[in-house]
Amino acid sequence: MPEMTKELLNKKDIERITSRIAHEIIEKNRGTENLCLVGIQRGGVHLAKRLSEKIRAVEHFDIPVGSLDIALYRDDLGIRKEHPAVRKTDIPWDITDKKIILVDDVLFTGRSIRAAMDALMDFGRPAQIQLAVLIDRGHRELPIRADYVGKNIPTSRLESIEVQLEEDGLEDKVLLQTKQ
């Protein structure tokens, strides 16, 4: 079955979206006090670093940025055919009583975010967890909602969203892939 691919966002679109989300984070939290960004491996880590740079440009303050691997916290470990690729988790500060902003590239069923929250709790008890995503494509299976959404892109189950970022050696873009 061939796939059809359509570009939904380009580099400039992603740049504008991350700028807007950075400003929304500052506004909602009334500044940067006790804020930390934690990106979910892989795309969320790159986006968290970009958000941190944008917040630094506005607030002149460096927000800590960590990375979180959720591979071993997923609820489909027993039913997957292949073993998950385990990536680096790096949260070199105490998250207790901090406002953690989880960052991911695509929000779909909500299961990855649930796994990320479980993983975070192994590092301490944050005061609050907020969620920032580049794309919300719908189809939630769990009661999870993003606090900051770059773009809502309703999809069918036959479609998928691919986020490509420069940090992975690709051109910044978001693609919608449809199975025909």
Protein backbone atom coordinates (compact mmCIF):
# COMPACT_ATOMS: atom_id res chain seq x y z
CA MET A 1 0.00 0.00 0.00
CA PRO A 2 1.71 3.29 -1.06
CA GLU A 3 1.76 6.29 1.25
CA MET A 4 0.86 9.85 0.39
CA THR A 5 2.85 12.57 2.17
CA LYS A 6 1.85 16.19 2.67
CA GLU A 7 3.95 18.89 4.32
CA LEU A 8 1.92 20.61 7.05
CA LEU A 9 4.55 22.85 8.67
CA ASN A 10 7.88 24.17 7.48
CA LYS A 11 10.90 25.61 9.32
CA LYS A 12 9.36 29.09 9.66
CA ASP A 13 6.07 27.66 10.97
CA ILE A 14 7.91 25.63 13.63
CA GLU A 15 9.98 28.70 14.57
CA ARG A 16 6.82 30.80 15.07
CA ILE A 17 5.11 28.04 17.05
CA THR A 18 8.03 27.54 19.45
CA SER A 19 8.25 31.32 19.98
CA ARG A 20 4.53 31.47 20.83
CA ILE A 21 4.71 28.50 23.19
CA ALA A 22 7.75 30.02 24.97
CA HIS A 23 5.79 33.24 25.56
CA GLU A 24 2.74 31.28 26.75
CA ILE A 25 4.90 29.37 29.25
CA ILE A 26 6.33 32.63 30.64
CA GLU A 27 2.89 34.22 30.85
CA LYS A 28 1.10 31.26 32.45
CA ASN A 29 3.84 30.80 35.05
CA ARG A 30 4.35 34.54 35.65
CA GLY A 31 8.03 34.28 34.81
CA THR A 32 10.54 31.48 35.16
CA GLU A 33 10.80 30.84 38.90
CA ASN A 34 11.08 27.09 39.69
CA LEU A 35 10.52 26.18 36.02
CA CYS A 36 12.28 23.24 34.39
CA LEU A 37 11.85 21.78 30.91
CA VAL A 38 12.02 18.03 30.38
CA GLY A 39 11.94 16.75 26.81
CA ILE A 40 10.69 13.27 26.02
CA GLN A 41 13.24 11.41 23.90
CA ARG A 42 13.87 12.23 21.01
CA GLY A 43 11.92 15.05 19.42
CA GLY A 44 10.75 16.48 22.73
CA VAL A 45 14.36 16.96 23.87
CA HIS A 46 15.20 19.08 20.81
CA LEU A 47 12.03 21.13 21.23
CA ALA A 48 12.69 21.64 24.97
CA LYS A 49 16.15 23.04 24.17
CA ARG A 50 14.64 25.38 21.58
CA LEU A 51 12.02 26.57 24.06
CA SER A 52 14.73 27.16 26.67
CA GLU A 53 16.69 29.35 24.23
CA LYS A 54 13.59 31.38 23.40
CA ILE A 55 12.70 31.84 27.08
CA ARG A 56 16.30 32.91 27.81
CA ALA A 57 16.08 35.56 25.05
CA VAL A 58 12.95 37.05 26.66
CA GLU A 59 13.57 36.57 30.39
CA HIS A 60 17.41 36.56 30.46
CA PHE A 61 17.32 33.44 32.61
CA ASP A 62 18.51 29.91 31.88
CA ILE A 63 15.87 27.29 32.54
CA PRO A 64 17.25 23.80 33.24
CA VAL A 65 16.56 21.35 30.42
CA GLY A 66 16.51 17.61 30.95
CA SER A 67 15.81 14.58 28.81
CA LEU A 68 13.56 11.67 29.68
CA ASP A 69 13.47 8.22 28.14
CA ILE A 70 10.14 6.46 28.61
CA ALA A 71 10.91 3.19 26.77
CA LEU A 72 10.79 1.03 29.88
CA TYR A 73 7.68 2.77 31.28
CA ARG A 74 5.46 2.08 28.27
CA ASP A 75 2.35 -0.04 28.79
CA ASP A 76 2.89 -2.00 25.56
CA LEU A 77 6.25 -3.56 26.47
CA GLY A 78 4.79 -7.06 26.67
CA ILE A 79 2.94 -6.88 23.35
CA ARG A 80 5.57 -5.20 21.15
CA LYS A 81 7.41 -7.40 18.67
CA GLU A 82 10.75 -5.63 19.05
CA HIS A 83 12.53 -4.40 22.14
CA PRO A 84 12.33 -0.62 22.61
CA ALA A 85 15.42 1.48 21.90
CA VAL A 86 16.52 2.83 25.27
CA ARG A 87 17.87 6.37 25.12
CA LYS A 88 19.44 8.68 27.65
CA THR A 89 17.60 10.12 30.61
CA ASP A 90 19.37 13.16 32.01
CA ILE A 91 17.71 15.11 34.79
CA PRO A 92 20.68 16.34 36.84
CA TRP A 93 18.67 18.35 39.38
CA ASP A 94 16.11 17.60 42.07
CA ILE A 95 12.61 17.99 40.56
CA THR A 96 10.91 18.11 43.96
CA ASP A 97 8.73 21.24 44.26
CA LYS A 98 9.62 22.37 40.72
CA LYS A 99 7.20 23.20 37.92
CA ILE A 100 8.09 20.66 35.26
CA ILE A 101 7.10 21.32 31.69
CA LEU A 102 7.12 18.04 29.79
CA VAL A 103 7.81 18.63 26.11
CA ASP A 104 6.92 16.23 23.28
CA ASP A 105 6.64 16.53 19.53
CA VAL A 106 3.29 14.77 18.96
CA LEU A 107 0.41 14.10 21.36
CA PHE A 108 -1.70 11.16 20.18
CA THR A 109 -3.29 8.62 22.55
CA GLY A 110 -1.77 10.08 25.73
CA ARG A 111 -0.03 6.84 26.65
CA SER A 112 3.48 8.26 26.14
CA ILE A 113 2.65 11.17 28.43
CA ARG A 114 1.33 8.81 31.11
CA ALA A 115 4.59 6.84 30.84
CA ALA A 116 6.57 10.09 31.09
CA MET A 117 4.72 11.12 34.25
CA ASP A 118 5.42 7.70 35.78
CA ALA A 119 9.10 8.04 34.89
CA LEU A 120 9.27 11.58 36.32
CA MET A 121 7.91 10.42 39.67
CA ASP A 122 11.01 8.24 40.06
CA PHE A 123 13.01 11.50 40.28
CA GLY A 124 10.94 13.24 42.95
CA ARG A 125 7.64 14.97 43.55
CA PRO A 126 7.22 18.03 41.35
CA ALA A 127 4.94 20.86 42.45
CA GLN A 128 3.27 20.73 39.06
CA ILE A 129 3.58 19.04 35.68
CA GLN A 130 2.54 20.92 32.55
CA LEU A 131 2.60 19.60 28.99
CA ALA A 132 3.81 21.36 25.83
CA VAL A 133 3.45 19.67 22.43
CA LEU A 134 4.22 20.78 18.91
CA ILE A 135 1.31 18.79 17.40
CA ASP A 136 -1.91 17.47 18.95
CA ARG A 137 -3.42 14.97 16.53
CA GLY A 138 -6.33 13.77 18.67
CA HIS A 139 -7.43 10.17 19.35
CA ARG A 140 -6.89 10.30 23.11
CA GLU A 141 -7.23 7.00 24.97
CA LEU A 142 -6.39 8.54 28.36
CA PRO A 143 -7.66 11.77 29.96
CA ILE A 144 -4.56 13.81 29.10
CA ARG A 145 -4.58 17.32 27.66
CA ALA A 146 -1.71 19.62 26.71
CA ASP A 147 -1.33 23.01 28.39
CA TYR A 148 0.53 24.39 25.37
CA VAL A 149 -0.29 23.22 21.83
CA GLY A 150 1.59 24.33 18.75
CA LYS A 151 -1.01 23.14 16.27
CA ASN A 152 -4.07 20.91 16.44
CA ILE A 153 -4.08 18.58 13.45
CA PRO A 154 -7.07 16.21 13.48
CA THR A 155 -6.08 12.93 11.86
CA SER A 156 -7.62 9.59 11.02
CA ARG A 157 -6.21 6.33 12.33
CA LEU A 158 -4.87 5.66 8.80
CA GLU A 159 -2.72 8.78 9.00
CA SER A 160 0.47 9.47 10.90
CA ILE A 161 2.39 12.60 11.77
CA GLU A 162 6.16 12.75 11.31
CA VAL A 163 8.12 15.59 12.89
CA GLN A 164 11.54 16.11 11.31
CA LEU A 165 14.07 18.34 13.07
CA GLU A 166 17.48 19.75 12.16
CA GLU A 167 19.02 18.25 15.29
CA ASP A 168 18.45 14.82 13.73
CA GLY A 169 20.14 15.90 10.48
CA LEU A 170 16.88 16.64 8.67
CA GLU A 171 15.13 19.78 7.48
CA ASP A 172 12.62 21.19 10.00
CA LYS A 173 9.13 20.12 8.89
CA VAL A 174 5.98 18.31 9.94
CA LEU A 175 4.57 15.74 7.53
CA LEU A 176 1.17 14.06 7.34
CA GLN A 177 1.43 10.56 5.93
CA THR A 178 -1.66 8.79 4.64
CA LYS A 179 -1.84 5.09 3.79
CA GLN A 180 -3.72 4.56 0.56
